[in-house]
Amino acid sequence: MADQHDPNSMRLLPWVSDMGKPCYLVGEPDGVVATFADGVEERQLAAAQAALAEGHAALAEPAAGALALRLALKGVVASLEQVRRIAESRKCGAYCVGGSRGLVREQESGGAACG
């Protein structure tokens, strides 16, 4: 696991830039941005739990129509994308040293830190 106080450590943040690129936090693992990101992740996980409950309810309803099922699936897919991003961020203990596999993959796919 990467040292969270290493100045070369980067954390994948739970949002993207206005150009759709991944955003990273460099340094200050206990700073304002990190604390804000933790709160965003908590809200995303709570929303995922609610979407999952709605999905189960739609599937359990025999009379659920195509629209109800589509809306439930849309919520579950959006939440799954957010949860996947949180898992990617945390796979190195939230912070990854620049040479880790996860960051190399993001950088090769055109990802860049945003400010």
PDB file of N, CA and C in Angstrom:
ATOM      1  N   MET A   1       0.853  -1.188   0.000  1.00  0.00           N
ATOM      2  CA  MET A   1       0.000   0.000   0.000  1.00  0.00           C
ATOM      3  C   MET A   1       0.887   1.235   0.000  1.00  0.00           C
ATOM      4  N   ALA A   2       0.475   2.246  -0.711  1.00  0.00           N
ATOM      5  CA  ALA A   2       1.256   3.480  -0.826  1.00  0.00           C
ATOM      6  C   ALA A   2       1.192   4.274   0.472  1.00  0.00           C
ATOM      7  N   ASP A   3       2.243   5.004   0.733  1.00  0.00           N
ATOM      8  CA  ASP A   3       2.289   5.891   1.882  1.00  0.00           C
ATOM      9  C   ASP A   3       1.390   7.091   1.605  1.00  0.00           C
ATOM     10  N   GLN A   4       0.377   7.307   2.457  1.00  0.00           N
ATOM     11  CA  GLN A   4      -0.577   8.385   2.225  1.00  0.00           C
ATOM     12  C   GLN A   4       0.038   9.761   2.410  1.00  0.00           C
ATOM     13  N   HIS A   5       1.214   9.839   2.976  1.00  0.00           N
ATOM     14  CA  HIS A   5       1.852  11.136   3.170  1.00  0.00           C
ATOM     15  C   HIS A   5       2.983  11.357   2.170  1.00  0.00           C
ATOM     16  N   ASP A   6       3.140  10.458   1.237  1.00  0.00           N
ATOM     17  CA  ASP A   6       4.134  10.596   0.182  1.00  0.00           C
ATOM     18  C   ASP A   6       3.677  11.717  -0.754  1.00  0.00           C
ATOM     19  N   PRO A   7       4.502  12.735  -0.994  1.00  0.00           N
ATOM     20  CA  PRO A   7       4.082  13.841  -1.858  1.00  0.00           C
ATOM     21  C   PRO A   7       3.836  13.416  -3.299  1.00  0.00           C
ATOM     22  N   ASN A   8       4.294  12.217  -3.688  1.00  0.00           N
ATOM     23  CA  ASN A   8       4.059  11.723  -5.038  1.00  0.00           C
ATOM     24  C   ASN A   8       2.799  10.870  -5.135  1.00  0.00           C
ATOM     25  N   SER A   9       2.080  10.691  -4.013  1.00  0.00           N
ATOM     26  CA  SER A   9       0.853   9.903  -4.005  1.00  0.00           C
ATOM     27  C   SER A   9      -0.283  10.692  -4.637  1.00  0.00           C
ATOM     28  N   MET A  10      -1.147   9.981  -5.327  1.00  0.00           N
ATOM     29  CA  MET A  10      -2.309  10.618  -5.942  1.00  0.00           C
ATOM     30  C   MET A  10      -3.557   9.821  -5.594  1.00  0.00           C
ATOM     31  N   ARG A  11      -4.644  10.520  -5.312  1.00  0.00           N
ATOM     32  CA  ARG A  11      -5.927   9.894  -5.023  1.00  0.00           C
ATOM     33  C   ARG A  11      -6.865  10.181  -6.173  1.00  0.00           C
ATOM     34  N   LEU A  12      -7.495   9.149  -6.690  1.00  0.00           N
ATOM     35  CA  LEU A  12      -8.525   9.313  -7.705  1.00  0.00           C
ATOM     36  C   LEU A  12      -9.762   9.886  -7.019  1.00  0.00           C
ATOM     37  N   LEU A  13     -10.210  11.039  -7.474  1.00  0.00           N
ATOM     38  CA  LEU A  13     -11.343  11.708  -6.848  1.00  0.00           C
ATOM     39  C   LEU A  13     -12.665  11.203  -7.432  1.00  0.00           C
ATOM     40  N   PRO A  14     -13.762  11.333  -6.691  1.00  0.00           N
ATOM     41  CA  PRO A  14     -15.046  10.782  -7.138  1.00  0.00           C
ATOM     42  C   PRO A  14     -15.796  11.682  -8.131  1.00  0.00           C
ATOM     43  N   TRP A  15     -15.075  12.473  -8.899  1.00  0.00           N
ATOM     44  CA  TRP A  15     -15.688  13.295  -9.935  1.00  0.00           C
ATOM     45  C   TRP A  15     -14.709  13.415 -11.096  1.00  0.00           C
ATOM     46  N   VAL A  16     -15.207  13.920 -12.194  1.00  0.00           N
ATOM     47  CA  VAL A  16     -14.368  14.121 -13.379  1.00  0.00           C
ATOM     48  C   VAL A  16     -14.364  15.604 -13.720  1.00  0.00           C
ATOM     49  N   SER A  17     -13.405  15.982 -14.573  1.00  0.00           N
ATOM     50  CA  SER A  17     -13.330  17.372 -15.013  1.00  0.00           C
ATOM     51  C   SER A  17     -14.493  17.670 -15.957  1.00  0.00           C
ATOM     52  N   ASP A  18     -14.658  18.930 -16.327  1.00  0.00           N
ATOM     53  CA  ASP A  18     -15.723  19.287 -17.265  1.00  0.00           C
ATOM     54  C   ASP A  18     -15.481  18.692 -18.651  1.00  0.00           C
ATOM     55  N   MET A  19     -14.268  18.169 -18.886  1.00  0.00           N
ATOM     56  CA  MET A  19     -13.942  17.500 -20.150  1.00  0.00           C
ATOM     57  C   MET A  19     -14.081  15.977 -20.017  1.00  0.00           C
ATOM     58  N   GLY A  20     -14.538  15.497 -18.848  1.00  0.00           N
ATOM     59  CA  GLY A  20     -14.732  14.077 -18.629  1.00  0.00           C
ATOM     60  C   GLY A  20     -13.476  13.311 -18.240  1.00  0.00           C
ATOM     61  N   LYS A  21     -12.416  14.028 -17.900  1.00  0.00           N
ATOM     62  CA  LYS A  21     -11.147  13.395 -17.515  1.00  0.00           C
ATOM     63  C   LYS A  21     -11.138  13.126 -16.011  1.00  0.00           C
ATOM     64  N   PRO A  22     -10.438  12.050 -15.579  1.00  0.00           N
ATOM     65  CA  PRO A  22     -10.358  11.774 -14.147  1.00  0.00           C
ATOM     66  C   PRO A  22      -9.617  12.889 -13.414  1.00  0.00           C
ATOM     67  N   CYS A  23      -9.979  13.109 -12.174  1.00  0.00           N
ATOM     68  CA  CYS A  23      -9.319  14.102 -11.336  1.00  0.00           C
ATOM     69  C   CYS A  23      -8.599  13.391 -10.207  1.00  0.00           C
ATOM     70  N   TYR A  24      -7.433  13.897  -9.849  1.00  0.00           N
ATOM     71  CA  TYR A  24      -6.613  13.319  -8.794  1.00  0.00           C
ATOM     72  C   TYR A  24      -6.270  14.387  -7.770  1.00  0.00           C
ATOM     73  N   LEU A  25      -6.131  13.941  -6.527  1.00  0.00           N
ATOM     74  CA  LEU A  25      -5.649  14.796  -5.452  1.00  0.00           C
ATOM     75  C   LEU A  25      -4.209  14.398  -5.177  1.00  0.00           C
ATOM     76  N   VAL A  26      -3.317  15.375  -5.204  1.00  0.00           N
ATOM     77  CA  VAL A  26      -1.914  15.137  -4.913  1.00  0.00           C
ATOM     78  C   VAL A  26      -1.612  15.772  -3.560  1.00  0.00           C
ATOM     79  N   GLY A  27      -1.105  14.971  -2.619  1.00  0.00           N
ATOM     80  CA  GLY A  27      -0.751  15.492  -1.299  1.00  0.00           C
ATOM     81  C   GLY A  27      -1.955  15.719  -0.415  1.00  0.00           C
ATOM     82  N   GLU A  28      -1.716  16.192   0.783  1.00  0.00           N
ATOM     83  CA  GLU A  28      -2.725  16.527   1.794  1.00  0.00           C
ATOM     84  C   GLU A  28      -3.867  15.516   1.889  1.00  0.00           C
ATOM     85  N   PRO A  29      -3.571  14.289   2.357  1.00  0.00           N
ATOM     86  CA  PRO A  29      -4.613  13.275   2.464  1.00  0.00           C
ATOM     87  C   PRO A  29      -5.677  13.602   3.512  1.00  0.00           C
ATOM     88  N   ASP A  30      -5.407  14.570   4.376  1.00  0.00           N
ATOM     89  CA  ASP A  30      -6.371  14.956   5.404  1.00  0.00           C
ATOM     90  C   ASP A  30      -6.870  16.378   5.200  1.00  0.00           C
ATOM     91  N   GLY A  31      -6.645  16.947   4.027  1.00  0.00           N
ATOM     92  CA  GLY A  31      -7.016  18.334   3.764  1.00  0.00           C
ATOM     93  C   GLY A  31      -8.481  18.506   3.419  1.00  0.00           C
ATOM     94  N   VAL A  32      -8.831  19.718   3.045  1.00  0.00           N
ATOM     95  CA  VAL A  32     -10.208  20.096   2.750  1.00  0.00           C
ATOM     96  C   VAL A  32     -10.763  19.316   1.557  1.00  0.00           C
ATOM     97  N   VAL A  33      -9.978  19.198   0.486  1.00  0.00           N
ATOM     98  CA  VAL A  33     -10.458  18.502  -0.707  1.00  0.00           C
ATOM     99  C   VAL A  33     -10.656  17.019  -0.414  1.00  0.00           C
ATOM    100  N   ALA A  34      -9.734  16.409   0.330  1.00  0.00           N
ATOM    101  CA  ALA A  34      -9.860  14.998   0.684  1.00  0.00           C
ATOM    102  C   ALA A  34     -11.102  14.767   1.542  1.00  0.00           C
ATOM    103  N   THR A  35     -11.343  15.651   2.486  1.00  0.00           N
ATOM    104  CA  THR A  35     -12.523  15.542   3.347  1.00  0.00           C
ATOM    105  C   THR A  35     -13.800  15.704   2.524  1.00  0.00           C
ATOM    106  N   PHE A  36     -13.796  16.654   1.592  1.00  0.00           N
ATOM    107  CA  PHE A  36     -14.954  16.842   0.708  1.00  0.00           C
ATOM    108  C   PHE A  36     -15.172  15.593  -0.143  1.00  0.00           C
ATOM    109  N   ALA A  37     -14.084  15.020  -0.687  1.00  0.00           N
ATOM    110  CA  ALA A  37     -14.187  13.810  -1.513  1.00  0.00           C
ATOM    111  C   ALA A  37     -14.743  12.645  -0.697  1.00  0.00           C
ATOM    112  N   ASP A  38     -14.326  12.531   0.557  1.00  0.00           N
ATOM    113  CA  ASP A  38     -14.862  11.476   1.425  1.00  0.00           C
ATOM    114  C   ASP A  38     -16.372  11.624   1.579  1.00  0.00           C
ATOM    115  N   GLY A  39     -16.834  12.859   1.756  1.00  0.00           N
ATOM    116  CA  GLY A  39     -18.266  13.107   1.885  1.00  0.00           C
ATOM    117  C   GLY A  39     -19.025  12.779   0.607  1.00  0.00           C
ATOM    118  N   VAL A  40     -18.446  13.123  -0.540  1.00  0.00           N
ATOM    119  CA  VAL A  40     -19.071  12.800  -1.829  1.00  0.00           C
ATOM    120  C   VAL A  40     -19.191  11.287  -1.971  1.00  0.00           C
ATOM    121  N   GLU A  41     -18.119  10.565  -1.633  1.00  0.00           N
ATOM    122  CA  GLU A  41     -18.152   9.106  -1.728  1.00  0.00           C
ATOM    123  C   GLU A  41     -19.207   8.511  -0.800  1.00  0.00           C
ATOM    124  N   GLU A  42     -19.332   9.040   0.416  1.00  0.00           N
ATOM    125  CA  GLU A  42     -20.358   8.556   1.348  1.00  0.00           C
ATOM    126  C   GLU A  42     -21.755   8.744   0.764  1.00  0.00           C
ATOM    127  N   ARG A  43     -22.008   9.904   0.164  1.00  0.00           N
ATOM    128  CA  ARG A  43     -23.321  10.166  -0.440  1.00  0.00           C
ATOM    129  C   ARG A  43     -23.555   9.264  -1.649  1.00  0.00           C
ATOM    130  N   GLN A  44     -22.510   9.006  -2.425  1.00  0.00           N
ATOM    131  CA  GLN A  44     -22.638   8.126  -3.581  1.00  0.00           C
ATOM    132  C   GLN A  44     -22.962   6.700  -3.139  1.00  0.00           C
ATOM    133  N   LEU A  45     -22.320   6.231  -2.076  1.00  0.00           N
ATOM    134  CA  LEU A  45     -22.605   4.884  -1.579  1.00  0.00           C
ATOM    135  C   LEU A  45     -24.018   4.788  -1.019  1.00  0.00           C
ATOM    136  N   ALA A  46     -24.481   5.826  -0.350  1.00  0.00           N
ATOM    137  CA  ALA A  46     -25.859   5.838   0.161  1.00  0.00           C
ATOM    138  C   ALA A  46     -26.852   5.837  -0.999  1.00  0.00           C
ATOM    139  N   ALA A  47     -26.561   6.599  -2.048  1.00  0.00           N
ATOM    140  CA  ALA A  47     -27.433   6.618  -3.223  1.00  0.00           C
ATOM    141  C   ALA A  47     -27.445   5.262  -3.919  1.00  0.00           C
ATOM    142  N   ALA A  48     -26.303   4.586  -3.928  1.00  0.00           N
ATOM    143  CA  ALA A  48     -26.229   3.254  -4.532  1.00  0.00           C
ATOM    144  C   ALA A  48     -27.087   2.268  -3.754  1.00  0.00           C
ATOM    145  N   GLN A  49     -27.071   2.380  -2.437  1.00  0.00           N
ATOM    146  CA  GLN A  49     -27.893   1.508  -1.608  1.00  0.00           C
ATOM    147  C   GLN A  49     -29.379   1.752  -1.900  1.00  0.00           C
ATOM    148  N   ALA A  50     -29.765   3.007  -2.050  1.00  0.00           N
ATOM    149  CA  ALA A  50     -31.161   3.336  -2.366  1.00  0.00           C
ATOM    150  C   ALA A  50     -31.543   2.827  -3.757  1.00  0.00           C
ATOM    151  N   ALA A  51     -30.638   2.983  -4.737  1.00  0.00           N
ATOM    152  CA  ALA A  51     -30.915   2.506  -6.097  1.00  0.00           C
ATOM    153  C   ALA A  51     -31.066   0.995  -6.115  1.00  0.00           C
ATOM    154  N   LEU A  52     -30.249   0.310  -5.336  1.00  0.00           N
ATOM    155  CA  LEU A  52     -30.342  -1.144  -5.260  1.00  0.00           C
ATOM    156  C   LEU A  52     -31.685  -1.564  -4.663  1.00  0.00           C
ATOM    157  N   ALA A  53     -32.130  -0.876  -3.626  1.00  0.00           N
ATOM    158  CA  ALA A  53     -33.429  -1.174  -3.016  1.00  0.00           C
ATOM    159  C   ALA A  53     -34.555  -0.927  -4.020  1.00  0.00           C
ATOM    160  N   GLU A  54     -34.466   0.164  -4.780  1.00  0.00           N
ATOM    161  CA  GLU A  54     -35.484   0.452  -5.798  1.00  0.00           C
ATOM    162  C   GLU A  54     -35.465  -0.607  -6.897  1.00  0.00           C
ATOM    163  N   GLY A  55     -34.276  -1.059  -7.266  1.00  0.00           N
ATOM    164  CA  GLY A  55     -34.162  -2.114  -8.268  1.00  0.00           C
ATOM    165  C   GLY A  55     -34.802  -3.405  -7.796  1.00  0.00           C
ATOM    166  N   HIS A  56     -34.534  -3.779  -6.537  1.00  0.00           N
ATOM    167  CA  HIS A  56     -35.148  -4.982  -5.976  1.00  0.00           C
ATOM    168  C   HIS A  56     -36.668  -4.853  -5.946  1.00  0.00           C
ATOM    169  N   ALA A  57     -37.156  -3.678  -5.568  1.00  0.00           N
ATOM    170  CA  ALA A  57     -38.601  -3.456  -5.498  1.00  0.00           C
ATOM    171  C   ALA A  57     -39.238  -3.567  -6.887  1.00  0.00           C
ATOM    172  N   ALA A  58     -38.585  -3.014  -7.900  1.00  0.00           N
ATOM    173  CA  ALA A  58     -39.121  -3.092  -9.265  1.00  0.00           C
ATOM    174  C   ALA A  58     -39.138  -4.530  -9.755  1.00  0.00           C
ATOM    175  N   LEU A  59     -38.090  -5.267  -9.459  1.00  0.00           N
ATOM    176  CA  LEU A  59     -38.041  -6.670  -9.880  1.00  0.00           C
ATOM    177  C   LEU A  59     -39.055  -7.532  -9.148  1.00  0.00           C
ATOM    178  N   ALA A  60     -39.351  -7.188  -7.902  1.00  0.00           N
ATOM    179  CA  ALA A  60     -40.303  -7.961  -7.105  1.00  0.00           C
ATOM    180  C   ALA A  60     -41.754  -7.681  -7.496  1.00  0.00           C
ATOM    181  N   GLU A  61     -41.993  -6.607  -8.212  1.00  0.00           N
ATOM    182  CA  GLU A  61     -43.348  -6.217  -8.609  1.00  0.00           C
ATOM    183  C   GLU A  61     -43.703  -6.897  -9.937  1.00  0.00           C
ATOM    184  N   PRO A  62     -44.571  -7.912  -9.910  1.00  0.00           N
ATOM    185  CA  PRO A  62     -44.910  -8.620 -11.147  1.00  0.00           C
ATOM    186  C   PRO A  62     -45.553  -7.729 -12.211  1.00  0.00           C
ATOM    187  N   ALA A  63     -46.214  -6.670 -11.776  1.00  0.00           N
ATOM    188  CA  ALA A  63     -46.903  -5.799 -12.727  1.00  0.00           C
ATOM    189  C   ALA A  63     -46.022  -4.650 -13.212  1.00  0.00           C
ATOM    190  N   ALA A  64     -44.766  -4.634 -12.808  1.00  0.00           N
ATOM    191  CA  ALA A  64     -43.868  -3.549 -13.225  1.00  0.00           C
ATOM    192  C   ALA A  64     -43.724  -3.553 -14.741  1.00  0.00           C
ATOM    193  N   GLY A  65     -43.919  -2.399 -15.323  1.00  0.00           N
ATOM    194  CA  GLY A  65     -43.816  -2.286 -16.768  1.00  0.00           C
ATOM    195  C   GLY A  65     -42.388  -2.010 -17.210  1.00  0.00           C
ATOM    196  N   ALA A  66     -42.238  -1.912 -18.506  1.00  0.00           N
ATOM    197  CA  ALA A  66     -40.914  -1.684 -19.093  1.00  0.00           C
ATOM    198  C   ALA A  66     -40.314  -0.370 -18.600  1.00  0.00           C
ATOM    199  N   LEU A  67     -41.133   0.673 -18.467  1.00  0.00           N
ATOM    200  CA  LEU A  67     -40.612   1.969 -18.025  1.00  0.00           C
ATOM    201  C   LEU A  67     -40.079   1.893 -16.597  1.00  0.00           C
ATOM    202  N   ALA A  68     -40.833   1.249 -15.705  1.00  0.00           N
ATOM    203  CA  ALA A  68     -40.391   1.117 -14.314  1.00  0.00           C
ATOM    204  C   ALA A  68     -39.082   0.339 -14.235  1.00  0.00           C
ATOM    205  N   LEU A  69     -38.992  -0.735 -14.997  1.00  0.00           N
ATOM    206  CA  LEU A  69     -37.763  -1.540 -14.992  1.00  0.00           C
ATOM    207  C   LEU A  69     -36.600  -0.757 -15.591  1.00  0.00           C
ATOM    208  N   ARG A  70     -36.865  -0.011 -16.648  1.00  0.00           N
ATOM    209  CA  ARG A  70     -35.809   0.790 -17.286  1.00  0.00           C
ATOM    210  C   ARG A  70     -35.290   1.865 -16.341  1.00  0.00           C
ATOM    211  N   LEU A  71     -36.193   2.547 -15.636  1.00  0.00           N
ATOM    212  CA  LEU A  71     -35.784   3.589 -14.688  1.00  0.00           C
ATOM    213  C   LEU A  71     -34.978   2.987 -13.532  1.00  0.00           C
ATOM    214  N   ALA A  72     -35.416   1.835 -13.036  1.00  0.00           N
ATOM    215  CA  ALA A  72     -34.671   1.174 -11.955  1.00  0.00           C
ATOM    216  C   ALA A  72     -33.281   0.775 -12.436  1.00  0.00           C
ATOM    217  N   LEU A  73     -33.199   0.233 -13.638  1.00  0.00           N
ATOM    218  CA  LEU A  73     -31.906  -0.173 -14.188  1.00  0.00           C
ATOM    219  C   LEU A  73     -30.999   1.035 -14.403  1.00  0.00           C
ATOM    220  N   LYS A  74     -31.576   2.135 -14.863  1.00  0.00           N
ATOM    221  CA  LYS A  74     -30.785   3.351 -15.070  1.00  0.00           C
ATOM    222  C   LYS A  74     -30.166   3.820 -13.755  1.00  0.00           C
ATOM    223  N   GLY A  75     -30.923   3.786 -12.671  1.00  0.00           N
ATOM    224  CA  GLY A  75     -30.401   4.179 -11.367  1.00  0.00           C
ATOM    225  C   GLY A  75     -29.325   3.235 -10.867  1.00  0.00           C
ATOM    226  N   VAL A  76     -29.515   1.939 -11.073  1.00  0.00           N
ATOM    227  CA  VAL A  76     -28.531   0.960 -10.633  1.00  0.00           C
ATOM    228  C   VAL A  76     -27.236   1.105 -11.432  1.00  0.00           C
ATOM    229  N   VAL A  77     -27.338   1.311 -12.740  1.00  0.00           N
ATOM    230  CA  VAL A  77     -26.141   1.459 -13.574  1.00  0.00           C
ATOM    231  C   VAL A  77     -25.354   2.710 -13.182  1.00  0.00           C
ATOM    232  N   ALA A  78     -26.042   3.823 -12.972  1.00  0.00           N
ATOM    233  CA  ALA A  78     -25.362   5.059 -12.572  1.00  0.00           C
ATOM    234  C   ALA A  78     -24.647   4.864 -11.232  1.00  0.00           C
ATOM    235  N   SER A  79     -25.305   4.203 -10.308  1.00  0.00           N
ATOM    236  CA  SER A  79     -24.696   3.958  -9.002  1.00  0.00           C
ATOM    237  C   SER A  79     -23.525   2.995  -9.107  1.00  0.00           C
ATOM    238  N   LEU A  80     -23.643   1.987  -9.955  1.00  0.00           N
ATOM    239  CA  LEU A  80     -22.552   1.039 -10.130  1.00  0.00           C
ATOM    240  C   LEU A  80     -21.310   1.734 -10.682  1.00  0.00           C
ATOM    241  N   GLU A  81     -21.497   2.688 -11.591  1.00  0.00           N
ATOM    242  CA  GLU A  81     -20.355   3.451 -12.110  1.00  0.00           C
ATOM    243  C   GLU A  81     -19.650   4.218 -10.994  1.00  0.00           C
ATOM    244  N   GLN A  82     -20.434   4.816 -10.094  1.00  0.00           N
ATOM    245  CA  GLN A  82     -19.846   5.572  -8.987  1.00  0.00           C
ATOM    246  C   GLN A  82     -19.142   4.646  -7.996  1.00  0.00           C
ATOM    247  N   VAL A  83     -19.752   3.515  -7.701  1.00  0.00           N
ATOM    248  CA  VAL A  83     -19.152   2.568  -6.764  1.00  0.00           C
ATOM    249  C   VAL A  83     -17.866   1.985  -7.352  1.00  0.00           C
ATOM    250  N   ARG A  84     -17.852   1.733  -8.654  1.00  0.00           N
ATOM    251  CA  ARG A  84     -16.643   1.230  -9.312  1.00  0.00           C
ATOM    252  C   ARG A  84     -15.511   2.248  -9.184  1.00  0.00           C
ATOM    253  N   ARG A  85     -15.831   3.502  -9.336  1.00  0.00           N
ATOM    254  CA  ARG A  85     -14.827   4.558  -9.216  1.00  0.00           C
ATOM    255  C   ARG A  85     -14.281   4.640  -7.787  1.00  0.00           C
ATOM    256  N   ILE A  86     -15.157   4.499  -6.806  1.00  0.00           N
ATOM    257  CA  ILE A  86     -14.722   4.497  -5.406  1.00  0.00           C
ATOM    258  C   ILE A  86     -13.814   3.299  -5.159  1.00  0.00           C
ATOM    259  N   ALA A  87     -14.191   2.144  -5.670  1.00  0.00           N
ATOM    260  CA  ALA A  87     -13.360   0.948  -5.494  1.00  0.00           C
ATOM    261  C   ALA A  87     -12.003   1.132  -6.155  1.00  0.00           C
ATOM    262  N   GLU A  88     -11.973   1.721  -7.334  1.00  0.00           N
ATOM    263  CA  GLU A  88     -10.715   1.989  -8.036  1.00  0.00           C
ATOM    264  C   GLU A  88      -9.844   2.925  -7.190  1.00  0.00           C
ATOM    265  N   SER A  89     -10.455   3.928  -6.599  1.00  0.00           N
ATOM    266  CA  SER A  89      -9.719   4.880  -5.768  1.00  0.00           C
ATOM    267  C   SER A  89      -9.142   4.201  -4.536  1.00  0.00           C
ATOM    268  N   ARG A  90      -9.895   3.294  -3.958  1.00  0.00           N
ATOM    269  CA  ARG A  90      -9.490   2.673  -2.695  1.00  0.00           C
ATOM    270  C   ARG A  90      -8.626   1.438  -2.867  1.00  0.00           C
ATOM    271  N   LYS A  91      -8.458   0.943  -4.069  1.00  0.00           N
ATOM    272  CA  LYS A  91      -7.714  -0.302  -4.227  1.00  0.00           C
ATOM    273  C   LYS A  91      -6.272  -0.175  -3.753  1.00  0.00           C
ATOM    274  N   CYS A  92      -5.757   1.030  -3.699  1.00  0.00           N
ATOM    275  CA  CYS A  92      -4.420   1.268  -3.152  1.00  0.00           C
ATOM    276  C   CYS A  92      -4.523   2.017  -1.833  1.00  0.00           C
ATOM    277  N   GLY A  93      -5.605   1.814  -1.117  1.00  0.00           N
ATOM    278  CA  GLY A  93      -5.775   2.537   0.144  1.00  0.00           C
ATOM    279  C   GLY A  93      -6.122   3.988  -0.099  1.00  0.00           C
ATOM    280  N   ALA A  94      -6.827   4.286  -1.165  1.00  0.00           N
ATOM    281  CA  ALA A  94      -7.261   5.616  -1.603  1.00  0.00           C
ATOM    282  C   ALA A  94      -6.144   6.401  -2.265  1.00  0.00           C
ATOM    283  N   TYR A  95      -4.902   6.136  -1.886  1.00  0.00           N
ATOM    284  CA  TYR A  95      -3.774   6.843  -2.486  1.00  0.00           C
ATOM    285  C   TYR A  95      -2.881   5.845  -3.205  1.00  0.00           C
ATOM    286  N   CYS A  96      -2.471   6.193  -4.400  1.00  0.00           N
ATOM    287  CA  CYS A  96      -1.588   5.332  -5.178  1.00  0.00           C
ATOM    288  C   CYS A  96      -0.342   6.120  -5.553  1.00  0.00           C
ATOM    289  N   VAL A  97       0.792   5.468  -5.500  1.00  0.00           N
ATOM    290  CA  VAL A  97       2.020   6.099  -5.975  1.00  0.00           C
ATOM    291  C   VAL A  97       1.934   6.136  -7.490  1.00  0.00           C
ATOM    292  N   GLY A  98       2.437   7.195  -8.100  1.00  0.00           N
ATOM    293  CA  GLY A  98       2.321   7.405  -9.539  1.00  0.00           C
ATOM    294  C   GLY A  98       2.629   6.218 -10.406  1.00  0.00           C
ATOM    295  N   GLY A  99       3.445   5.274  -9.978  1.00  0.00           N
ATOM    296  CA  GLY A  99       3.794   4.132 -10.805  1.00  0.00           C
ATOM    297  C   GLY A  99       2.890   2.930 -10.627  1.00  0.00           C
ATOM    298  N   SER A 100       1.832   3.025  -9.824  1.00  0.00           N
ATOM    299  CA  SER A 100       0.973   1.868  -9.600  1.00  0.00           C
ATOM    300  C   SER A 100       0.195   1.520 -10.858  1.00  0.00           C
ATOM    301  N   ARG A 101      -0.250   0.279 -10.938  1.00  0.00           N
ATOM    302  CA  ARG A 101      -0.946  -0.196 -12.132  1.00  0.00           C
ATOM    303  C   ARG A 101      -2.201   0.628 -12.443  1.00  0.00           C
ATOM    304  N   GLY A 102      -2.972   0.972 -11.397  1.00  0.00           N
ATOM    305  CA  GLY A 102      -4.205   1.706 -11.637  1.00  0.00           C
ATOM    306  C   GLY A 102      -3.974   3.062 -12.278  1.00  0.00           C
ATOM    307  N   LEU A 103      -2.990   3.805 -11.792  1.00  0.00           N
ATOM    308  CA  LEU A 103      -2.733   5.127 -12.338  1.00  0.00           C
ATOM    309  C   LEU A 103      -2.087   5.038 -13.714  1.00  0.00           C
ATOM    310  N   VAL A 104      -1.264   4.036 -13.918  1.00  0.00           N
ATOM    311  CA  VAL A 104      -0.664   3.870 -15.244  1.00  0.00           C
ATOM    312  C   VAL A 104      -1.770   3.625 -16.264  1.00  0.00           C
ATOM    313  N   ARG A 105      -2.734   2.785 -15.897  1.00  0.00           N
ATOM    314  CA  ARG A 105      -3.838   2.503 -16.813  1.00  0.00           C
ATOM    315  C   ARG A 105      -4.626   3.784 -17.103  1.00  0.00           C
ATOM    316  N   GLU A 106      -4.928   4.581 -16.077  1.00  0.00           N
ATOM    317  CA  GLU A 106      -5.661   5.833 -16.273  1.00  0.00           C
ATOM    318  C   GLU A 106      -4.865   6.798 -17.154  1.00  0.00           C
ATOM    319  N   GLN A 107      -3.572   6.913 -16.908  1.00  0.00           N
ATOM    320  CA  GLN A 107      -2.758   7.839 -17.685  1.00  0.00           C
ATOM    321  C   GLN A 107      -2.653   7.402 -19.125  1.00  0.00           C
ATOM    322  N   GLU A 108      -2.537   6.087 -19.378  1.00  0.00           N
ATOM    323  CA  GLU A 108      -2.444   5.597 -20.744  1.00  0.00           C
ATOM    324  C   GLU A 108      -3.739   5.836 -21.516  1.00  0.00           C
ATOM    325  N   SER A 109      -4.877   5.872 -20.786  1.00  0.00           N
ATOM    326  CA  SER A 109      -6.153   6.090 -21.469  1.00  0.00           C
ATOM    327  C   SER A 109      -6.470   7.579 -21.604  1.00  0.00           C
ATOM    328  N   GLY A 110      -5.509   8.432 -21.344  1.00  0.00           N
ATOM    329  CA  GLY A 110      -5.709   9.866 -21.560  1.00  0.00           C
ATOM    330  C   GLY A 110      -6.111  10.632 -20.323  1.00  0.00           C
ATOM    331  N   GLY A 111      -6.135   9.974 -19.148  1.00  0.00           N
ATOM    332  CA  GLY A 111      -6.521  10.654 -17.925  1.00  0.00           C
ATOM    333  C   GLY A 111      -5.463  11.661 -17.505  1.00  0.00           C
ATOM    334  N   ALA A 112      -5.897  12.748 -16.913  1.00  0.00           N
ATOM    335  CA  ALA A 112      -4.958  13.757 -16.431  1.00  0.00           C
ATOM    336  C   ALA A 112      -5.519  14.345 -15.159  1.00  0.00           C
ATOM    337  N   ALA A 113      -4.636  14.807 -14.283  1.00  0.00           N
ATOM    338  CA  ALA A 113      -5.095  15.465 -13.076  1.00  0.00           C
ATOM    339  C   ALA A 113      -5.795  16.756 -13.460  1.00  0.00           C
ATOM    340  N   CYS A 114      -6.840  17.073 -12.746  1.00  0.00           N
ATOM    341  CA  CYS A 114      -7.519  18.343 -13.018  1.00  0.00           C
ATOM    342  C   CYS A 114      -7.371  19.216 -11.804  1.00  0.00           C
ATOM    343  N   GLY A 115      -7.530  20.502 -11.974  1.00  0.00           N
ATOM    344  CA  GLY A 115      -7.290  21.378 -10.843  1.00  0.00           C
ATOM    345  C   GLY A 115      -8.404  22.146 -10.454  1.00  0.00           C
TER     346      GLY A 115
END
